[in-house]
Each structure stands twice: as structure tokens, then as C-alpha cells.
Amino acid sequence: MTEPIRLSKLMSQLGLCSRREADSYIERGLVFVDGVKVTELGIKVLPSQTVTLGHGARTQQASRVTILLHKPVGYVSAQPEKGYQAAASLITKESRFKDDKAPQQFDPSQLFGLAPAGRLDIDSQGLLVLTQDGRIAKQLIGADSQIEKEYLVRVNGKLDEAGLKRLNHGLRLDGEALKPAKVTWQNADQLRFILKEGKKRQIRRMCELVGLRVVGLKRVRIGKVKLGDLPPGEWRYLQEGEAF
């Protein structure tokens, strides 16, 4: 027999929201189990039961924004560090991509609770996702995320077939085996990496293990969303119907 689990945990597993958001919705009477309103924190339910969000919760979620930024080199993904600015400081009305087709109007309030869903180190550039939506953050950086991230990596050094095979599968970082990757030559001095994980400075460290030095790194895709022609330092909204 299936054991009951906390309602907030089930809501997270179902992709309805994060656990913290679930507790907030439950307290405010915005969660229904089999059509019955639930307001008791910590309540347990069966995974087979039907959980739905009330109108207020759905409206709140619909108002949350997700922003796609082309982070330039020299900016940190999250909290600002000494001498460096956070990538979020680039998100202004003036830096919005002129060809952004999304209907939203920029408002500074959209910066509240906006956090990067994944890292892109200070020496790298490319697609960075910042979101107010816990569902998207979980999808991109949750422990069980299977979303692909694609990078173009310019390198110095020599790489033989054995080294290329090791980049695809067989390397270890921090005492753990890396998940299989897809690594191919893009041209004479550039590799294409497709990963499903994101350890700190992972690609640079992988390259070091096979005798290569990274001289340029650019993330061009996360899941189904591509960087495209978004210029460095500019941003656009994730559009309705666009998904990772």
C-alpha cells in the first residue's frame, strides 16, 4: 500500500510549485485535495489523490517572469563579488532586446525574487536563465533535472581520440563519476559540449584533465531554448508557449 506523504512534498513532485510556495498556498487556503480546501500545514495525503491550485495561486504564478539574459564575460551569475557585478544588474528597461516579442512591460518589481536557475562562471558568456518561478528553477537545477545545456568551447592544446572519448564518458570530478556527455569537434579549435549536469567550472576542469586549456566558453542552449541572436548584455522574456 502506498504511504501518505506531506502535501507540500507531493505538490513539488507534481511540479505545481516549490515546497515553500506550497506551504504559503496551503496557509492561504489556495490548495484543494480531491476538491476539498486544505489549510493545515504538514498534512499528509496519498500520491493518488488529486491536488489542484486555487485561482489566486494560479494568477500569482502567471504573473511571475522568467528572463533570458546573454551574460557577458566579467559578470557573476548570482551574488555580486568584490570588484564584479551580478548579471541581474544588466536587466533594465533600456537593455531589453529590441526584438523581444513577449507582451510583458518591464517593471522593476519583476526583479524581486528573480534568481539565476543555474550557474555560468565569470569567465564565460551566453544564456543565463533568471526566474521568479520555482517550478522552472526546479526543472532546470533540481536534483533529478535531465535538461540539456549546450556550450561552444574554444580550446588550446592537442586532443586525441582517447581524450575525446574520456570527455564523453569516463572522467571524475570531486570524487564522483560524471554523467555521460556529448562532446564533438565543432571546428579546428572549438568543441561542442552537451551536458545534463553543472558542477562548478565543470567544462574547464574536464578539459584540464585531458590536457586542454579553455580560452572561450559560451552557452548557446538550455533544453529547447536557444540563445539565438540575443546580443551580449541584453535580455528577453521567456514567452508563453516557450518551454525548456
Protein backbone atom coordinates (compact mmCIF):
# COMPACT_ATOMS: atom_id res chain seq x y z
CA MET A 1 0.00 0.00 0.00
CA THR A 2 1.30 3.46 -0.90
CA GLU A 3 2.28 5.53 2.13
CA PRO A 4 0.88 9.05 2.64
CA ILE A 5 3.36 11.91 2.11
CA ARG A 6 3.37 15.58 3.06
CA LEU A 7 1.12 17.60 0.79
CA SER A 8 3.84 20.19 0.15
CA LYS A 9 6.24 17.43 -0.97
CA LEU A 10 3.63 15.96 -3.33
CA MET A 11 2.93 19.40 -4.82
CA SER A 12 6.64 19.82 -5.51
CA GLN A 13 6.87 16.36 -7.08
CA LEU A 14 3.88 17.16 -9.29
CA GLY A 15 5.61 20.33 -10.47
CA LEU A 16 2.86 22.59 -9.12
CA CYS A 17 5.27 24.77 -7.12
CA SER A 18 8.17 24.59 -4.68
CA ARG A 19 7.65 23.23 -1.16
CA ARG A 20 7.97 26.72 0.34
CA GLU A 21 5.39 28.05 -2.09
CA ALA A 22 3.14 25.09 -1.30
CA ASP A 23 3.15 25.93 2.41
CA SER A 24 2.27 29.54 1.60
CA TYR A 25 -0.62 28.47 -0.65
CA ILE A 26 -1.90 26.00 1.95
CA GLU A 27 -1.89 28.66 4.69
CA ARG A 28 -3.86 31.00 2.43
CA GLY A 29 -6.48 28.37 1.56
CA LEU A 30 -5.42 28.12 -2.10
CA VAL A 31 -4.89 24.34 -2.26
CA PHE A 32 -7.55 21.70 -2.84
CA VAL A 33 -7.23 17.92 -2.39
CA ASP A 34 -9.94 15.95 -4.19
CA GLY A 35 -11.85 19.23 -4.42
CA VAL A 36 -11.68 19.99 -0.68
CA LYS A 37 -9.82 23.08 0.56
CA VAL A 38 -6.83 22.30 2.79
CA THR A 39 -5.37 24.84 5.23
CA GLU A 40 -3.44 22.63 7.67
CA LEU A 41 0.34 22.75 7.27
CA GLY A 42 2.09 19.38 7.42
CA ILE A 43 -0.95 17.40 6.38
CA LYS A 44 -0.23 14.09 4.62
CA VAL A 45 -2.09 12.80 1.58
CA LEU A 46 -1.91 9.83 -0.75
CA PRO A 47 0.02 10.32 -4.01
CA SER A 48 -3.06 9.07 -5.86
CA GLN A 49 -5.20 11.97 -4.63
CA THR A 50 -5.93 14.91 -6.92
CA VAL A 51 -4.26 18.18 -5.92
CA THR A 52 -5.22 21.48 -7.54
CA LEU A 53 -4.37 25.12 -7.01
CA GLY A 54 -6.99 27.78 -6.45
CA HIS A 55 -7.48 30.74 -8.76
CA GLY A 56 -5.41 33.08 -6.60
CA ALA A 57 -2.39 30.80 -6.72
CA ARG A 58 -2.68 30.29 -10.48
CA THR A 59 -2.95 34.04 -11.02
CA GLN A 60 0.11 34.66 -8.87
CA GLN A 61 2.11 32.07 -10.81
CA ALA A 62 1.03 33.51 -14.16
CA SER A 63 2.38 36.94 -13.17
CA ARG A 64 5.89 35.59 -12.46
CA VAL A 65 8.50 36.28 -15.08
CA THR A 66 11.39 34.28 -16.45
CA ILE A 67 14.15 36.22 -18.16
CA LEU A 68 16.75 35.02 -20.67
CA LEU A 69 19.96 37.02 -20.47
CA HIS A 70 23.06 36.90 -22.65
CA LYS A 71 25.59 37.19 -19.84
CA PRO A 72 28.87 38.74 -20.95
CA VAL A 73 32.27 37.76 -19.55
CA GLY A 74 33.08 39.62 -16.33
CA TYR A 75 29.71 39.30 -14.59
CA VAL A 76 28.90 36.77 -11.87
CA SER A 77 25.73 34.70 -12.10
CA ALA A 78 24.42 35.19 -8.58
CA GLN A 79 25.57 37.40 -5.70
CA PRO A 80 27.95 40.25 -6.61
CA GLU A 81 31.57 39.66 -5.67
CA LYS A 82 34.28 42.17 -4.85
CA GLY A 83 35.02 44.12 -7.99
CA TYR A 84 32.35 42.35 -10.06
CA GLN A 85 28.67 42.96 -10.68
CA ALA A 86 25.89 40.39 -10.65
CA ALA A 87 24.37 39.52 -14.01
CA ALA A 88 20.96 40.67 -12.76
CA SER A 89 22.27 44.27 -12.73
CA LEU A 90 22.10 44.15 -16.55
CA ILE A 91 18.32 43.73 -16.52
CA THR A 92 16.93 47.21 -17.13
CA LYS A 93 14.27 48.69 -19.36
CA GLU A 94 16.99 50.03 -21.68
CA SER A 95 18.80 46.69 -22.13
CA ARG A 96 15.73 44.72 -23.21
CA PHE A 97 16.25 43.07 -26.61
CA LYS A 98 14.54 45.25 -29.23
CA ASP A 99 13.10 42.18 -31.00
CA ASP A 100 11.54 40.68 -27.85
CA LYS A 101 8.03 39.61 -28.89
CA ALA A 102 6.70 38.99 -25.36
CA PRO A 103 3.72 41.21 -24.36
CA GLN A 104 5.01 42.00 -20.84
CA GLN A 105 6.02 45.52 -19.95
CA PHE A 106 9.16 45.74 -17.84
CA ASP A 107 8.65 46.83 -14.25
CA PRO A 108 11.38 46.99 -11.58
CA SER A 109 9.16 44.87 -9.32
CA GLN A 110 9.94 41.95 -11.61
CA LEU A 111 13.46 41.96 -10.20
CA PHE A 112 12.13 41.00 -6.75
CA GLY A 113 12.78 37.31 -6.14
CA LEU A 114 14.43 36.94 -9.53
CA ALA A 115 17.20 34.37 -9.19
CA PRO A 116 19.52 32.54 -11.58
CA ALA A 117 18.47 28.96 -12.34
CA GLY A 118 21.96 27.57 -12.80
CA ARG A 119 25.46 28.99 -12.91
CA LEU A 120 27.65 30.43 -15.62
CA ASP A 121 31.08 31.37 -14.32
CA ILE A 122 32.61 34.82 -14.52
CA ASP A 123 34.92 33.90 -17.43
CA SER A 124 32.06 32.50 -19.53
CA GLN A 125 29.29 34.07 -21.56
CA GLY A 126 25.99 33.02 -23.02
CA LEU A 127 22.49 32.05 -22.00
CA LEU A 128 21.60 32.58 -18.34
CA VAL A 129 18.07 31.99 -17.04
CA LEU A 130 16.76 34.12 -14.19
CA THR A 131 13.30 33.34 -12.85
CA GLN A 132 10.73 34.17 -10.17
CA ASP A 133 9.08 30.80 -10.82
CA GLY A 134 10.07 27.95 -8.50
CA ARG A 135 8.69 25.41 -10.97
CA ILE A 136 11.16 26.48 -13.64
CA ALA A 137 14.05 26.62 -11.18
CA LYS A 138 13.29 23.04 -10.09
CA GLN A 139 13.05 21.91 -13.71
CA LEU A 140 16.46 23.38 -14.55
CA ILE A 141 18.51 22.78 -11.40
CA GLY A 142 16.58 20.21 -9.38
CA ALA A 143 18.45 17.07 -8.33
CA ASP A 144 16.62 14.98 -10.92
CA SER A 145 16.86 17.51 -13.78
CA GLN A 146 17.51 15.98 -17.20
CA ILE A 147 17.62 19.28 -19.10
CA GLU A 148 20.49 19.52 -21.60
CA LYS A 149 22.84 22.51 -21.64
CA GLU A 150 24.85 23.13 -24.80
CA TYR A 151 28.16 25.02 -24.95
CA LEU A 152 30.65 26.09 -27.61
CA VAL A 153 34.14 25.85 -26.14
CA ARG A 154 37.29 27.24 -27.74
CA VAL A 155 40.41 25.38 -26.58
CA ASN A 156 44.19 25.30 -26.81
CA GLY A 157 46.10 22.02 -26.83
CA LYS A 158 46.01 18.65 -28.51
CA LEU A 159 43.24 16.10 -28.09
CA ASP A 160 43.46 12.56 -29.40
CA GLU A 161 40.58 10.09 -29.88
CA ALA A 162 41.14 8.58 -26.44
CA GLY A 163 40.90 12.03 -24.85
CA LEU A 164 37.70 12.79 -26.73
CA LYS A 165 36.20 9.51 -25.54
CA ARG A 166 37.09 10.40 -21.95
CA LEU A 167 35.36 13.77 -22.31
CA ASN A 168 32.23 11.95 -23.44
CA HIS A 169 32.36 9.43 -20.60
CA GLY A 170 34.92 8.33 -18.06
CA LEU A 171 36.03 11.45 -16.17
CA ARG A 172 35.62 12.08 -12.46
CA LEU A 173 35.35 15.37 -10.58
CA ASP A 174 35.19 15.87 -6.82
CA GLY A 175 35.47 12.12 -6.34
CA GLU A 176 32.36 11.36 -8.41
CA ALA A 177 31.95 9.95 -11.90
CA LEU A 178 30.45 12.47 -14.30
CA LYS A 179 27.29 11.71 -16.21
CA PRO A 180 27.82 10.82 -19.87
CA ALA A 181 28.23 13.93 -22.04
CA LYS A 182 28.12 14.57 -25.78
CA VAL A 183 31.36 16.20 -26.88
CA THR A 184 32.25 16.70 -30.56
CA TRP A 185 34.55 18.91 -32.60
CA GLN A 186 32.77 21.97 -33.96
CA ASN A 187 35.82 23.16 -35.92
CA ALA A 188 39.63 23.01 -35.64
CA ASP A 189 39.84 24.72 -32.25
CA GLN A 190 36.29 24.56 -30.88
CA LEU A 191 34.39 21.77 -29.15
CA ARG A 192 30.64 21.42 -28.65
CA PHE A 193 29.65 20.15 -25.19
CA ILE A 194 26.16 18.93 -24.28
CA LEU A 195 25.78 18.22 -20.55
CA LYS A 196 22.97 17.24 -18.19
CA GLU A 197 24.74 18.44 -15.04
CA GLY A 198 26.55 21.56 -13.94
CA LYS A 199 29.33 21.20 -11.43
CA LYS A 200 31.36 24.31 -10.67
CA ARG A 201 33.61 25.16 -13.65
CA GLN A 202 32.89 21.68 -14.93
CA ILE A 203 33.86 22.10 -18.58
CA ARG A 204 37.10 23.89 -17.79
CA ARG A 205 38.07 21.19 -15.31
CA MET A 206 37.11 18.40 -17.73
CA CYS A 207 39.32 19.95 -20.39
CA GLU A 208 42.24 20.25 -17.97
CA LEU A 209 42.00 16.51 -17.27
CA VAL A 210 42.65 15.74 -20.95
CA GLY A 211 45.38 18.37 -21.45
CA LEU A 212 43.30 21.20 -22.92
CA ARG A 213 43.01 24.83 -21.83
CA VAL A 214 39.72 26.64 -22.35
CA VAL A 215 40.14 30.09 -23.90
CA GLY A 216 36.48 30.81 -24.57
CA LEU A 217 33.19 29.32 -23.38
CA LYS A 218 29.67 30.22 -24.49
CA ARG A 219 26.38 28.56 -23.50
CA VAL A 220 24.08 28.55 -26.52
CA ARG A 221 21.14 26.40 -25.41
CA ILE A 222 19.26 25.22 -22.32
CA GLY A 223 16.78 22.47 -23.15
CA LYS A 224 14.71 23.66 -26.11
CA VAL A 225 15.53 27.34 -25.54
CA LYS A 226 18.37 28.78 -27.63
CA LEU A 227 20.45 31.90 -27.17
CA GLY A 228 19.85 32.74 -30.80
CA ASP A 229 20.65 36.31 -31.85
CA LEU A 230 20.30 37.80 -28.36
CA PRO A 231 23.23 40.27 -28.07
CA PRO A 232 25.62 40.23 -25.09
CA GLY A 233 24.29 42.28 -22.18
CA GLU A 234 20.69 42.18 -23.44
CA TRP A 235 17.70 40.12 -22.29
CA ARG A 236 14.23 38.99 -23.24
CA TYR A 237 11.27 37.31 -21.56
CA LEU A 238 10.57 33.59 -21.83
CA GLN A 239 7.47 33.69 -23.99
CA GLU A 240 4.15 31.94 -23.44
CA GLY A 241 4.32 28.56 -25.12
CA GLU A 242 8.13 28.52 -24.92
CA ALA A 243 9.43 25.74 -22.69
CA PHE A 244 12.71 24.16 -21.70
